[in-house]
Amino acid sequence: MASSKTSLFDSKLNSSAVLFKALAHPARLAILRYLAETKVCITGDISDELPLSRTTINQHLTELKKAGLIQGTVDGVKVNYCLNPQKVDELVTMANCFFNEINMGSEYECR
């Protein structure tokens, strides 16, 4: 069985990669934007708002939920989806830190 090459990198880079991978599709970005714009949890069908099938939207929601960027709670037969504000804050900090590091080189250290 082949070992994962990700173990060769520090935990900060691995955590960043997981979140950045979750952003690596325009549908996921659109879902995050939609949830941010509505400022409430969505109980209805998000596929009414995006030009994709319900199945495709559900696959993208699953990826965003796996990354922790959204939260889904079951309410009877429906699922309420919301942004996870703590994880979004973590993503913003992580992205800012990463881009500052590569923009300024070794002069800038992130915690």
PDB file of N, CA and C in Angstrom:
ATOM      1  N   MET A   1       0.839  -1.172   0.000  1.00  0.00           N
ATOM      2  CA  MET A   1       0.000   0.000   0.000  1.00  0.00           C
ATOM      3  C   MET A   1       0.889   1.242   0.000  1.00  0.00           C
ATOM      4  N   ALA A   2       0.624   2.187  -0.887  1.00  0.00           N
ATOM      5  CA  ALA A   2       1.435   3.392  -1.006  1.00  0.00           C
ATOM      6  C   ALA A   2       1.130   4.349   0.143  1.00  0.00           C
ATOM      7  N   SER A   3       2.193   4.981   0.645  1.00  0.00           N
ATOM      8  CA  SER A   3       1.974   5.943   1.715  1.00  0.00           C
ATOM      9  C   SER A   3       1.656   7.314   1.116  1.00  0.00           C
ATOM     10  N   SER A   4       0.986   8.114   1.883  1.00  0.00           N
ATOM     11  CA  SER A   4       0.583   9.436   1.431  1.00  0.00           C
ATOM     12  C   SER A   4       1.763  10.393   1.506  1.00  0.00           C
ATOM     13  N   LYS A   5       1.985  11.123   0.446  1.00  0.00           N
ATOM     14  CA  LYS A   5       3.067  12.105   0.417  1.00  0.00           C
ATOM     15  C   LYS A   5       2.747  13.316   1.290  1.00  0.00           C
ATOM     16  N   THR A   6       1.485  13.491   1.669  1.00  0.00           N
ATOM     17  CA  THR A   6       1.140  14.643   2.498  1.00  0.00           C
ATOM     18  C   THR A   6       1.815  14.575   3.857  1.00  0.00           C
ATOM     19  N   SER A   7       2.159  13.385   4.317  1.00  0.00           N
ATOM     20  CA  SER A   7       2.813  13.247   5.618  1.00  0.00           C
ATOM     21  C   SER A   7       4.221  13.854   5.611  1.00  0.00           C
ATOM     22  N   LEU A   8       4.723  14.174   4.443  1.00  0.00           N
ATOM     23  CA  LEU A   8       6.047  14.780   4.339  1.00  0.00           C
ATOM     24  C   LEU A   8       6.022  16.280   4.658  1.00  0.00           C
ATOM     25  N   PHE A   9       4.833  16.839   4.807  1.00  0.00           N
ATOM     26  CA  PHE A   9       4.691  18.274   5.027  1.00  0.00           C
ATOM     27  C   PHE A   9       4.104  18.559   6.399  1.00  0.00           C
ATOM     28  N   ASP A  10       4.359  19.774   6.914  1.00  0.00           N
ATOM     29  CA  ASP A  10       3.889  20.102   8.263  1.00  0.00           C
ATOM     30  C   ASP A  10       2.372  20.234   8.312  1.00  0.00           C
ATOM     31  N   SER A  11       1.860  20.192   9.535  1.00  0.00           N
ATOM     32  CA  SER A  11       0.408  20.185   9.728  1.00  0.00           C
ATOM     33  C   SER A  11      -0.247  21.472   9.230  1.00  0.00           C
ATOM     34  N   LYS A  12       0.467  22.595   9.311  1.00  0.00           N
ATOM     35  CA  LYS A  12      -0.098  23.863   8.840  1.00  0.00           C
ATOM     36  C   LYS A  12      -0.350  23.814   7.335  1.00  0.00           C
ATOM     37  N   LEU A  13       0.595  23.290   6.575  1.00  0.00           N
ATOM     38  CA  LEU A  13       0.409  23.165   5.132  1.00  0.00           C
ATOM     39  C   LEU A  13      -0.692  22.161   4.801  1.00  0.00           C
ATOM     40  N   ASN A  14      -0.758  21.065   5.541  1.00  0.00           N
ATOM     41  CA  ASN A  14      -1.802  20.073   5.304  1.00  0.00           C
ATOM     42  C   ASN A  14      -3.190  20.640   5.602  1.00  0.00           C
ATOM     43  N   SER A  15      -3.317  21.397   6.692  1.00  0.00           N
ATOM     44  CA  SER A  15      -4.603  22.018   7.023  1.00  0.00           C
ATOM     45  C   SER A  15      -5.011  23.030   5.960  1.00  0.00           C
ATOM     46  N   SER A  16      -4.046  23.806   5.501  1.00  0.00           N
ATOM     47  CA  SER A  16      -4.319  24.779   4.437  1.00  0.00           C
ATOM     48  C   SER A  16      -4.774  24.073   3.173  1.00  0.00           C
ATOM     49  N   ALA A  17      -4.110  23.006   2.811  1.00  0.00           N
ATOM     50  CA  ALA A  17      -4.439  22.279   1.579  1.00  0.00           C
ATOM     51  C   ALA A  17      -5.861  21.724   1.625  1.00  0.00           C
ATOM     52  N   VAL A  18      -6.287  21.224   2.763  1.00  0.00           N
ATOM     53  CA  VAL A  18      -7.648  20.682   2.895  1.00  0.00           C
ATOM     54  C   VAL A  18      -8.676  21.779   2.632  1.00  0.00           C
ATOM     55  N   LEU A  19      -8.471  22.939   3.241  1.00  0.00           N
ATOM     56  CA  LEU A  19      -9.423  24.032   3.049  1.00  0.00           C
ATOM     57  C   LEU A  19      -9.355  24.587   1.633  1.00  0.00           C
ATOM     58  N   PHE A  20      -8.145  24.751   1.095  1.00  0.00           N
ATOM     59  CA  PHE A  20      -8.018  25.268  -0.268  1.00  0.00           C
ATOM     60  C   PHE A  20      -8.630  24.306  -1.282  1.00  0.00           C
ATOM     61  N   LYS A  21      -8.500  23.003  -1.036  1.00  0.00           N
ATOM     62  CA  LYS A  21      -9.096  22.016  -1.937  1.00  0.00           C
ATOM     63  C   LYS A  21     -10.618  22.133  -1.935  1.00  0.00           C
ATOM     64  N   ALA A  22     -11.187  22.428  -0.777  1.00  0.00           N
ATOM     65  CA  ALA A  22     -12.642  22.590  -0.694  1.00  0.00           C
ATOM     66  C   ALA A  22     -13.113  23.788  -1.508  1.00  0.00           C
ATOM     67  N   LEU A  23     -12.234  24.743  -1.744  1.00  0.00           N
ATOM     68  CA  LEU A  23     -12.579  25.937  -2.519  1.00  0.00           C
ATOM     69  C   LEU A  23     -12.314  25.757  -4.007  1.00  0.00           C
ATOM     70  N   ALA A  24     -11.792  24.621  -4.394  1.00  0.00           N
ATOM     71  CA  ALA A  24     -11.272  24.422  -5.746  1.00  0.00           C
ATOM     72  C   ALA A  24     -12.327  24.089  -6.798  1.00  0.00           C
ATOM     73  N   HIS A  25     -13.556  24.526  -6.576  1.00  0.00           N
ATOM     74  CA  HIS A  25     -14.594  24.330  -7.593  1.00  0.00           C
ATOM     75  C   HIS A  25     -15.523  25.536  -7.542  1.00  0.00           C
ATOM     76  N   PRO A  26     -15.869  26.099  -8.703  1.00  0.00           N
ATOM     77  CA  PRO A  26     -16.728  27.290  -8.696  1.00  0.00           C
ATOM     78  C   PRO A  26     -18.095  27.062  -8.046  1.00  0.00           C
ATOM     79  N   ALA A  27     -18.621  25.857  -8.116  1.00  0.00           N
ATOM     80  CA  ALA A  27     -19.914  25.580  -7.475  1.00  0.00           C
ATOM     81  C   ALA A  27     -19.801  25.725  -5.961  1.00  0.00           C
ATOM     82  N   ARG A  28     -18.690  25.292  -5.393  1.00  0.00           N
ATOM     83  CA  ARG A  28     -18.505  25.403  -3.943  1.00  0.00           C
ATOM     84  C   ARG A  28     -18.345  26.864  -3.539  1.00  0.00           C
ATOM     85  N   LEU A  29     -17.639  27.619  -4.362  1.00  0.00           N
ATOM     86  CA  LEU A  29     -17.510  29.054  -4.091  1.00  0.00           C
ATOM     87  C   LEU A  29     -18.880  29.725  -4.162  1.00  0.00           C
ATOM     88  N   ALA A  30     -19.681  29.334  -5.140  1.00  0.00           N
ATOM     89  CA  ALA A  30     -21.029  29.899  -5.284  1.00  0.00           C
ATOM     90  C   ALA A  30     -21.901  29.540  -4.085  1.00  0.00           C
ATOM     91  N   ILE A  31     -21.792  28.328  -3.596  1.00  0.00           N
ATOM     92  CA  ILE A  31     -22.559  27.910  -2.419  1.00  0.00           C
ATOM     93  C   ILE A  31     -22.147  28.741  -1.210  1.00  0.00           C
ATOM     94  N   LEU A  32     -20.848  28.892  -1.000  1.00  0.00           N
ATOM     95  CA  LEU A  32     -20.372  29.685   0.136  1.00  0.00           C
ATOM     96  C   LEU A  32     -20.845  31.133   0.022  1.00  0.00           C
ATOM     97  N   ARG A  33     -20.751  31.691  -1.175  1.00  0.00           N
ATOM     98  CA  ARG A  33     -21.205  33.069  -1.385  1.00  0.00           C
ATOM     99  C   ARG A  33     -22.699  33.189  -1.100  1.00  0.00           C
ATOM    100  N   TYR A  34     -23.465  32.230  -1.601  1.00  0.00           N
ATOM    101  CA  TYR A  34     -24.912  32.256  -1.394  1.00  0.00           C
ATOM    102  C   TYR A  34     -25.255  32.191   0.094  1.00  0.00           C
ATOM    103  N   LEU A  35     -24.619  31.284   0.818  1.00  0.00           N
ATOM    104  CA  LEU A  35     -24.872  31.168   2.253  1.00  0.00           C
ATOM    105  C   LEU A  35     -24.461  32.441   2.991  1.00  0.00           C
ATOM    106  N   ALA A  36     -23.370  33.071   2.551  1.00  0.00           N
ATOM    107  CA  ALA A  36     -22.923  34.316   3.182  1.00  0.00           C
ATOM    108  C   ALA A  36     -23.893  35.453   2.892  1.00  0.00           C
ATOM    109  N   GLU A  37     -24.392  35.518   1.670  1.00  0.00           N
ATOM    110  CA  GLU A  37     -25.309  36.589   1.288  1.00  0.00           C
ATOM    111  C   GLU A  37     -26.659  36.471   1.993  1.00  0.00           C
ATOM    112  N   THR A  38     -27.128  35.245   2.198  1.00  0.00           N
ATOM    113  CA  THR A  38     -28.439  35.068   2.827  1.00  0.00           C
ATOM    114  C   THR A  38     -28.405  35.353   4.322  1.00  0.00           C
ATOM    115  N   LYS A  39     -27.222  35.197   4.928  1.00  0.00           N
ATOM    116  CA  LYS A  39     -27.015  35.474   6.353  1.00  0.00           C
ATOM    117  C   LYS A  39     -27.931  34.666   7.287  1.00  0.00           C
ATOM    118  N   VAL A  40     -28.525  33.604   6.769  1.00  0.00           N
ATOM    119  CA  VAL A  40     -29.344  32.712   7.590  1.00  0.00           C
ATOM    120  C   VAL A  40     -29.063  31.280   7.165  1.00  0.00           C
ATOM    121  N   CYS A  41     -29.517  30.339   7.970  1.00  0.00           N
ATOM    122  CA  CYS A  41     -29.410  28.937   7.581  1.00  0.00           C
ATOM    123  C   CYS A  41     -30.453  28.654   6.497  1.00  0.00           C
ATOM    124  N   ILE A  42     -30.071  27.844   5.544  1.00  0.00           N
ATOM    125  CA  ILE A  42     -30.941  27.520   4.421  1.00  0.00           C
ATOM    126  C   ILE A  42     -31.580  26.165   4.661  1.00  0.00           C
ATOM    127  N   THR A  43     -32.890  26.143   4.730  1.00  0.00           N
ATOM    128  CA  THR A  43     -33.611  24.890   4.877  1.00  0.00           C
ATOM    129  C   THR A  43     -34.076  24.387   3.525  1.00  0.00           C
ATOM    130  N   GLY A  44     -34.328  25.305   2.610  1.00  0.00           N
ATOM    131  CA  GLY A  44     -34.840  24.944   1.294  1.00  0.00           C
ATOM    132  C   GLY A  44     -33.778  24.317   0.420  1.00  0.00           C
ATOM    133  N   ASP A  45     -34.106  24.206  -0.826  1.00  0.00           N
ATOM    134  CA  ASP A  45     -33.249  23.555  -1.792  1.00  0.00           C
ATOM    135  C   ASP A  45     -32.304  24.575  -2.424  1.00  0.00           C
ATOM    136  N   ILE A  46     -31.031  24.443  -2.159  1.00  0.00           N
ATOM    137  CA  ILE A  46     -30.038  25.362  -2.707  1.00  0.00           C
ATOM    138  C   ILE A  46     -29.967  25.229  -4.227  1.00  0.00           C
ATOM    139  N   SER A  47     -30.342  24.083  -4.754  1.00  0.00           N
ATOM    140  CA  SER A  47     -30.290  23.896  -6.209  1.00  0.00           C
ATOM    141  C   SER A  47     -31.270  24.814  -6.937  1.00  0.00           C
ATOM    142  N   ASP A  48     -32.234  25.406  -6.208  1.00  0.00           N
ATOM    143  CA  ASP A  48     -33.112  26.406  -6.819  1.00  0.00           C
ATOM    144  C   ASP A  48     -32.342  27.687  -7.140  1.00  0.00           C
ATOM    145  N   GLU A  49     -31.229  27.896  -6.444  1.00  0.00           N
ATOM    146  CA  GLU A  49     -30.445  29.127  -6.584  1.00  0.00           C
ATOM    147  C   GLU A  49     -29.243  28.984  -7.510  1.00  0.00           C
ATOM    148  N   LEU A  50     -28.838  27.769  -7.819  1.00  0.00           N
ATOM    149  CA  LEU A  50     -27.640  27.538  -8.632  1.00  0.00           C
ATOM    150  C   LEU A  50     -27.988  26.685  -9.849  1.00  0.00           C
ATOM    151  N   PRO A  51     -27.251  26.870 -10.941  1.00  0.00           N
ATOM    152  CA  PRO A  51     -27.580  26.154 -12.180  1.00  0.00           C
ATOM    153  C   PRO A  51     -27.048  24.716 -12.225  1.00  0.00           C
ATOM    154  N   LEU A  52     -27.257  23.976 -11.144  1.00  0.00           N
ATOM    155  CA  LEU A  52     -26.786  22.597 -11.064  1.00  0.00           C
ATOM    156  C   LEU A  52     -27.899  21.715 -10.512  1.00  0.00           C
ATOM    157  N   SER A  53     -27.776  20.432 -10.758  1.00  0.00           N
ATOM    158  CA  SER A  53     -28.780  19.496 -10.257  1.00  0.00           C
ATOM    159  C   SER A  53     -28.661  19.360  -8.739  1.00  0.00           C
ATOM    160  N   ARG A  54     -29.726  18.898  -8.132  1.00  0.00           N
ATOM    161  CA  ARG A  54     -29.759  18.670  -6.687  1.00  0.00           C
ATOM    162  C   ARG A  54     -28.658  17.688  -6.272  1.00  0.00           C
ATOM    163  N   THR A  55     -28.456  16.645  -7.063  1.00  0.00           N
ATOM    164  CA  THR A  55     -27.424  15.650  -6.747  1.00  0.00           C
ATOM    165  C   THR A  55     -26.036  16.276  -6.761  1.00  0.00           C
ATOM    166  N   THR A  56     -25.764  17.088  -7.761  1.00  0.00           N
ATOM    167  CA  THR A  56     -24.460  17.748  -7.860  1.00  0.00           C
ATOM    168  C   THR A  56     -24.256  18.710  -6.700  1.00  0.00           C
ATOM    169  N   ILE A  57     -25.284  19.487  -6.385  1.00  0.00           N
ATOM    170  CA  ILE A  57     -25.207  20.421  -5.250  1.00  0.00           C
ATOM    171  C   ILE A  57     -24.929  19.651  -3.963  1.00  0.00           C
ATOM    172  N   ASN A  58     -25.613  18.531  -3.769  1.00  0.00           N
ATOM    173  CA  ASN A  58     -25.409  17.733  -2.559  1.00  0.00           C
ATOM    174  C   ASN A  58     -23.982  17.217  -2.452  1.00  0.00           C
ATOM    175  N   GLN A  59     -23.382  16.850  -3.577  1.00  0.00           N
ATOM    176  CA  GLN A  59     -21.987  16.397  -3.563  1.00  0.00           C
ATOM    177  C   GLN A  59     -21.056  17.533  -3.121  1.00  0.00           C
ATOM    178  N   HIS A  60     -21.316  18.732  -3.621  1.00  0.00           N
ATOM    179  CA  HIS A  60     -20.494  19.876  -3.233  1.00  0.00           C
ATOM    180  C   HIS A  60     -20.727  20.269  -1.780  1.00  0.00           C
ATOM    181  N   LEU A  61     -21.961  20.185  -1.317  1.00  0.00           N
ATOM    182  CA  LEU A  61     -22.258  20.455   0.092  1.00  0.00           C
ATOM    183  C   LEU A  61     -21.509  19.473   0.992  1.00  0.00           C
ATOM    184  N   THR A  62     -21.456  18.219   0.568  1.00  0.00           N
ATOM    185  CA  THR A  62     -20.734  17.198   1.331  1.00  0.00           C
ATOM    186  C   THR A  62     -19.258  17.562   1.462  1.00  0.00           C
ATOM    187  N   GLU A  63     -18.647  18.011   0.376  1.00  0.00           N
ATOM    188  CA  GLU A  63     -17.231  18.398   0.413  1.00  0.00           C
ATOM    189  C   GLU A  63     -17.006  19.601   1.328  1.00  0.00           C
ATOM    190  N   LEU A  64     -17.885  20.581   1.252  1.00  0.00           N
ATOM    191  CA  LEU A  64     -17.757  21.762   2.109  1.00  0.00           C
ATOM    192  C   LEU A  64     -17.970  21.402   3.575  1.00  0.00           C
ATOM    193  N   LYS A  65     -18.888  20.479   3.819  1.00  0.00           N
ATOM    194  CA  LYS A  65     -19.137  20.040   5.192  1.00  0.00           C
ATOM    195  C   LYS A  65     -17.946  19.242   5.725  1.00  0.00           C
ATOM    196  N   LYS A  66     -17.364  18.386   4.874  1.00  0.00           N
ATOM    197  CA  LYS A  66     -16.181  17.615   5.276  1.00  0.00           C
ATOM    198  C   LYS A  66     -15.030  18.535   5.673  1.00  0.00           C
ATOM    199  N   ALA A  67     -14.884  19.637   4.961  1.00  0.00           N
ATOM    200  CA  ALA A  67     -13.825  20.604   5.258  1.00  0.00           C
ATOM    201  C   ALA A  67     -14.172  21.471   6.466  1.00  0.00           C
ATOM    202  N   GLY A  68     -15.440  21.387   6.917  1.00  0.00           N
ATOM    203  CA  GLY A  68     -15.860  22.142   8.082  1.00  0.00           C
ATOM    204  C   GLY A  68     -16.312  23.559   7.781  1.00  0.00           C
ATOM    205  N   LEU A  69     -16.368  23.944   6.506  1.00  0.00           N
ATOM    206  CA  LEU A  69     -16.743  25.312   6.147  1.00  0.00           C
ATOM    207  C   LEU A  69     -18.234  25.580   6.285  1.00  0.00           C
ATOM    208  N   ILE A  70     -19.035  24.522   6.220  1.00  0.00           N
ATOM    209  CA  ILE A  70     -20.466  24.667   6.453  1.00  0.00           C
ATOM    210  C   ILE A  70     -20.892  23.657   7.505  1.00  0.00           C
ATOM    211  N   GLN A  71     -22.023  23.947   8.105  1.00  0.00           N
ATOM    212  CA  GLN A  71     -22.617  23.051   9.084  1.00  0.00           C
ATOM    213  C   GLN A  71     -23.976  22.644   8.555  1.00  0.00           C
ATOM    214  N   GLY A  72     -24.327  21.415   8.746  1.00  0.00           N
ATOM    215  CA  GLY A  72     -25.640  20.939   8.336  1.00  0.00           C
ATOM    216  C   GLY A  72     -26.319  20.251   9.499  1.00  0.00           C
ATOM    217  N   THR A  73     -27.511  20.695   9.827  1.00  0.00           N
ATOM    218  CA  THR A  73     -28.258  20.059  10.902  1.00  0.00           C
ATOM    219  C   THR A  73     -29.562  19.525  10.332  1.00  0.00           C
ATOM    220  N   VAL A  74     -29.936  18.351  10.763  1.00  0.00           N
ATOM    221  CA  VAL A  74     -31.145  17.710  10.271  1.00  0.00           C
ATOM    222  C   VAL A  74     -32.345  18.267  11.027  1.00  0.00           C
ATOM    223  N   ASP A  75     -33.362  18.649  10.260  1.00  0.00           N
ATOM    224  CA  ASP A  75     -34.614  19.155  10.819  1.00  0.00           C
ATOM    225  C   ASP A  75     -35.735  18.371  10.142  1.00  0.00           C
ATOM    226  N   GLY A  76     -36.113  17.252  10.742  1.00  0.00           N
ATOM    227  CA  GLY A  76     -37.096  16.375  10.119  1.00  0.00           C
ATOM    228  C   GLY A  76     -36.500  15.740   8.879  1.00  0.00           C
ATOM    229  N   VAL A  77     -37.118  15.988   7.721  1.00  0.00           N
ATOM    230  CA  VAL A  77     -36.611  15.414   6.476  1.00  0.00           C
ATOM    231  C   VAL A  77     -35.687  16.395   5.740  1.00  0.00           C
ATOM    232  N   LYS A  78     -35.550  17.613   6.285  1.00  0.00           N
ATOM    233  CA  LYS A  78     -34.717  18.624   5.645  1.00  0.00           C
ATOM    234  C   LYS A  78     -33.416  18.801   6.404  1.00  0.00           C
ATOM    235  N   VAL A  79     -32.422  19.358   5.697  1.00  0.00           N
ATOM    236  CA  VAL A  79     -31.153  19.694   6.326  1.00  0.00           C
ATOM    237  C   VAL A  79     -30.978  21.201   6.243  1.00  0.00           C
ATOM    238  N   ASN A  80     -30.638  21.816   7.358  1.00  0.00           N
ATOM    239  CA  ASN A  80     -30.347  23.247   7.396  1.00  0.00           C
ATOM    240  C   ASN A  80     -28.848  23.432   7.188  1.00  0.00           C
ATOM    241  N   TYR A  81     -28.477  24.243   6.218  1.00  0.00           N
ATOM    242  CA  TYR A  81     -27.068  24.512   5.958  1.00  0.00           C
ATOM    243  C   TYR A  81     -26.735  25.946   6.322  1.00  0.00           C
ATOM    244  N   CYS A  82     -25.629  26.114   7.043  1.00  0.00           N
ATOM    245  CA  CYS A  82     -25.128  27.424   7.442  1.00  0.00           C
ATOM    246  C   CYS A  82     -23.612  27.436   7.251  1.00  0.00           C
ATOM    247  N   LEU A  83     -23.081  28.639   7.106  1.00  0.00           N
ATOM    248  CA  LEU A  83     -21.630  28.765   7.172  1.00  0.00           C
ATOM    249  C   LEU A  83     -21.180  28.453   8.589  1.00  0.00           C
ATOM    250  N   ASN A  84     -19.995  27.919   8.721  1.00  0.00           N
ATOM    251  CA  ASN A  84     -19.385  27.717  10.026  1.00  0.00           C
ATOM    252  C   ASN A  84     -18.459  28.915  10.247  1.00  0.00           C
ATOM    253  N   PRO A  85     -18.910  29.927  10.997  1.00  0.00           N
ATOM    254  CA  PRO A  85     -18.139  31.167  11.101  1.00  0.00           C
ATOM    255  C   PRO A  85     -16.727  30.979  11.656  1.00  0.00           C
ATOM    256  N   GLN A  86     -16.546  30.057  12.586  1.00  0.00           N
ATOM    257  CA  GLN A  86     -15.214  29.822  13.140  1.00  0.00           C
ATOM    258  C   GLN A  86     -14.274  29.278  12.066  1.00  0.00           C
ATOM    259  N   LYS A  87     -14.772  28.346  11.248  1.00  0.00           N
ATOM    260  CA  LYS A  87     -13.925  27.751  10.217  1.00  0.00           C
ATOM    261  C   LYS A  87     -13.656  28.755   9.097  1.00  0.00           C
ATOM    262  N   VAL A  88     -14.652  29.594   8.779  1.00  0.00           N
ATOM    263  CA  VAL A  88     -14.445  30.626   7.767  1.00  0.00           C
ATOM    264  C   VAL A  88     -13.388  31.618   8.255  1.00  0.00           C
ATOM    265  N   ASP A  89     -13.458  32.002   9.528  1.00  0.00           N
ATOM    266  CA  ASP A  89     -12.428  32.884  10.098  1.00  0.00           C
ATOM    267  C   ASP A  89     -11.052  32.234  10.021  1.00  0.00           C
ATOM    268  N   GLU A  90     -11.002  30.941  10.335  1.00  0.00           N
ATOM    269  CA  GLU A  90      -9.740  30.195  10.257  1.00  0.00           C
ATOM    270  C   GLU A  90      -9.213  30.201   8.823  1.00  0.00           C
ATOM    271  N   LEU A  91     -10.097  29.995   7.861  1.00  0.00           N
ATOM    272  CA  LEU A  91      -9.702  30.001   6.454  1.00  0.00           C
ATOM    273  C   LEU A  91      -9.153  31.360   6.048  1.00  0.00           C
ATOM    274  N   VAL A  92      -9.825  32.434   6.436  1.00  0.00           N
ATOM    275  CA  VAL A  92      -9.373  33.788   6.090  1.00  0.00           C
ATOM    276  C   VAL A  92      -7.989  34.039   6.682  1.00  0.00           C
ATOM    277  N   THR A  93      -7.810  33.710   7.946  1.00  0.00           N
ATOM    278  CA  THR A  93      -6.511  33.901   8.595  1.00  0.00           C
ATOM    279  C   THR A  93      -5.436  33.066   7.908  1.00  0.00           C
ATOM    280  N   MET A  94      -5.770  31.805   7.636  1.00  0.00           N
ATOM    281  CA  MET A  94      -4.823  30.896   7.005  1.00  0.00           C
ATOM    282  C   MET A  94      -4.426  31.398   5.613  1.00  0.00           C
ATOM    283  N   ALA A  95      -5.406  31.822   4.832  1.00  0.00           N
ATOM    284  CA  ALA A  95      -5.128  32.307   3.476  1.00  0.00           C
ATOM    285  C   ALA A  95      -4.295  33.583   3.517  1.00  0.00           C
ATOM    286  N   ASN A  96      -4.672  34.523   4.385  1.00  0.00           N
ATOM    287  CA  ASN A  96      -3.897  35.758   4.511  1.00  0.00           C
ATOM    288  C   ASN A  96      -2.460  35.463   4.908  1.00  0.00           C
ATOM    289  N   CYS A  97      -2.311  34.585   5.864  1.00  0.00           N
ATOM    290  CA  CYS A  97      -0.989  34.214   6.341  1.00  0.00           C
ATOM    291  C   CYS A  97      -0.167  33.569   5.223  1.00  0.00           C
ATOM    292  N   PHE A  98      -0.762  32.621   4.531  1.00  0.00           N
ATOM    293  CA  PHE A  98      -0.056  31.925   3.460  1.00  0.00           C
ATOM    294  C   PHE A  98       0.382  32.895   2.367  1.00  0.00           C
ATOM    295  N   PHE A  99      -0.541  33.751   1.932  1.00  0.00           N
ATOM    296  CA  PHE A  99      -0.198  34.670   0.844  1.00  0.00           C
ATOM    297  C   PHE A  99       0.787  35.734   1.294  1.00  0.00           C
ATOM    298  N   ASN A 100       0.734  36.141   2.555  1.00  0.00           N
ATOM    299  CA  ASN A 100       1.757  37.051   3.070  1.00  0.00           C
ATOM    300  C   ASN A 100       3.125  36.384   3.098  1.00  0.00           C
ATOM    301  N   GLU A 101       3.162  35.131   3.499  1.00  0.00           N
ATOM    302  CA  GLU A 101       4.435  34.399   3.532  1.00  0.00           C
ATOM    303  C   GLU A 101       5.056  34.288   2.147  1.00  0.00           C
ATOM    304  N   ILE A 102       4.249  33.941   1.149  1.00  0.00           N
ATOM    305  CA  ILE A 102       4.839  33.759  -0.184  1.00  0.00           C
ATOM    306  C   ILE A 102       5.084  35.093  -0.871  1.00  0.00           C
ATOM    307  N   ASN A 103       4.389  36.132  -0.463  1.00  0.00           N
ATOM    308  CA  ASN A 103       4.600  37.450  -1.037  1.00  0.00           C
ATOM    309  C   ASN A 103       5.836  38.125  -0.434  1.00  0.00           C
ATOM    310  N   MET A 104       6.067  37.904   0.859  1.00  0.00           N
ATOM    311  CA  MET A 104       7.152  38.587   1.550  1.00  0.00           C
ATOM    312  C   MET A 104       8.319  37.666   1.861  1.00  0.00           C
ATOM    313  N   GLY A 105       8.215  36.415   1.468  1.00  0.00           N
ATOM    314  CA  GLY A 105       9.302  35.479   1.719  1.00  0.00           C
ATOM    315  C   GLY A 105       9.489  35.183   3.192  1.00  0.00           C
ATOM    316  N   SER A 106      10.699  34.922   3.579  1.00  0.00           N
ATOM    317  CA  SER A 106      10.974  34.483   4.939  1.00  0.00           C
ATOM    318  C   SER A 106      10.936  35.620   5.965  1.00  0.00           C
ATOM    319  N   GLU A 107      10.745  36.873   5.513  1.00  0.00           N
ATOM    320  CA  GLU A 107      10.672  37.989   6.443  1.00  0.00           C
ATOM    321  C   GLU A 107       9.390  37.960   7.274  1.00  0.00           C
ATOM    322  N   TYR A 108       8.363  37.289   6.784  1.00  0.00           N
ATOM    323  CA  TYR A 108       7.070  37.283   7.438  1.00  0.00           C
ATOM    324  C   TYR A 108       6.785  35.904   7.997  1.00  0.00           C
ATOM    325  N   GLU A 109       6.537  35.843   9.308  1.00  0.00           N
ATOM    326  CA  GLU A 109       6.223  34.547   9.913  1.00  0.00           C
ATOM    327  C   GLU A 109       4.800  34.551  10.442  1.00  0.00           C
ATOM    328  N   CYS A 110       4.075  33.496  10.162  1.00  0.00           N
ATOM    329  CA  CYS A 110       2.724  33.333  10.677  1.00  0.00           C
ATOM    330  C   CYS A 110       2.785  32.413  11.892  1.00  0.00           C
ATOM    331  N   ARG A 111       1.826  32.594  12.745  1.00  0.00           N
ATOM    332  CA  ARG A 111       1.770  31.714  13.916  1.00  0.00           C
ATOM    333  C   ARG A 111       1.001  30.479  13.602  1.00  0.00           C
TER     334      ARG A 111
END
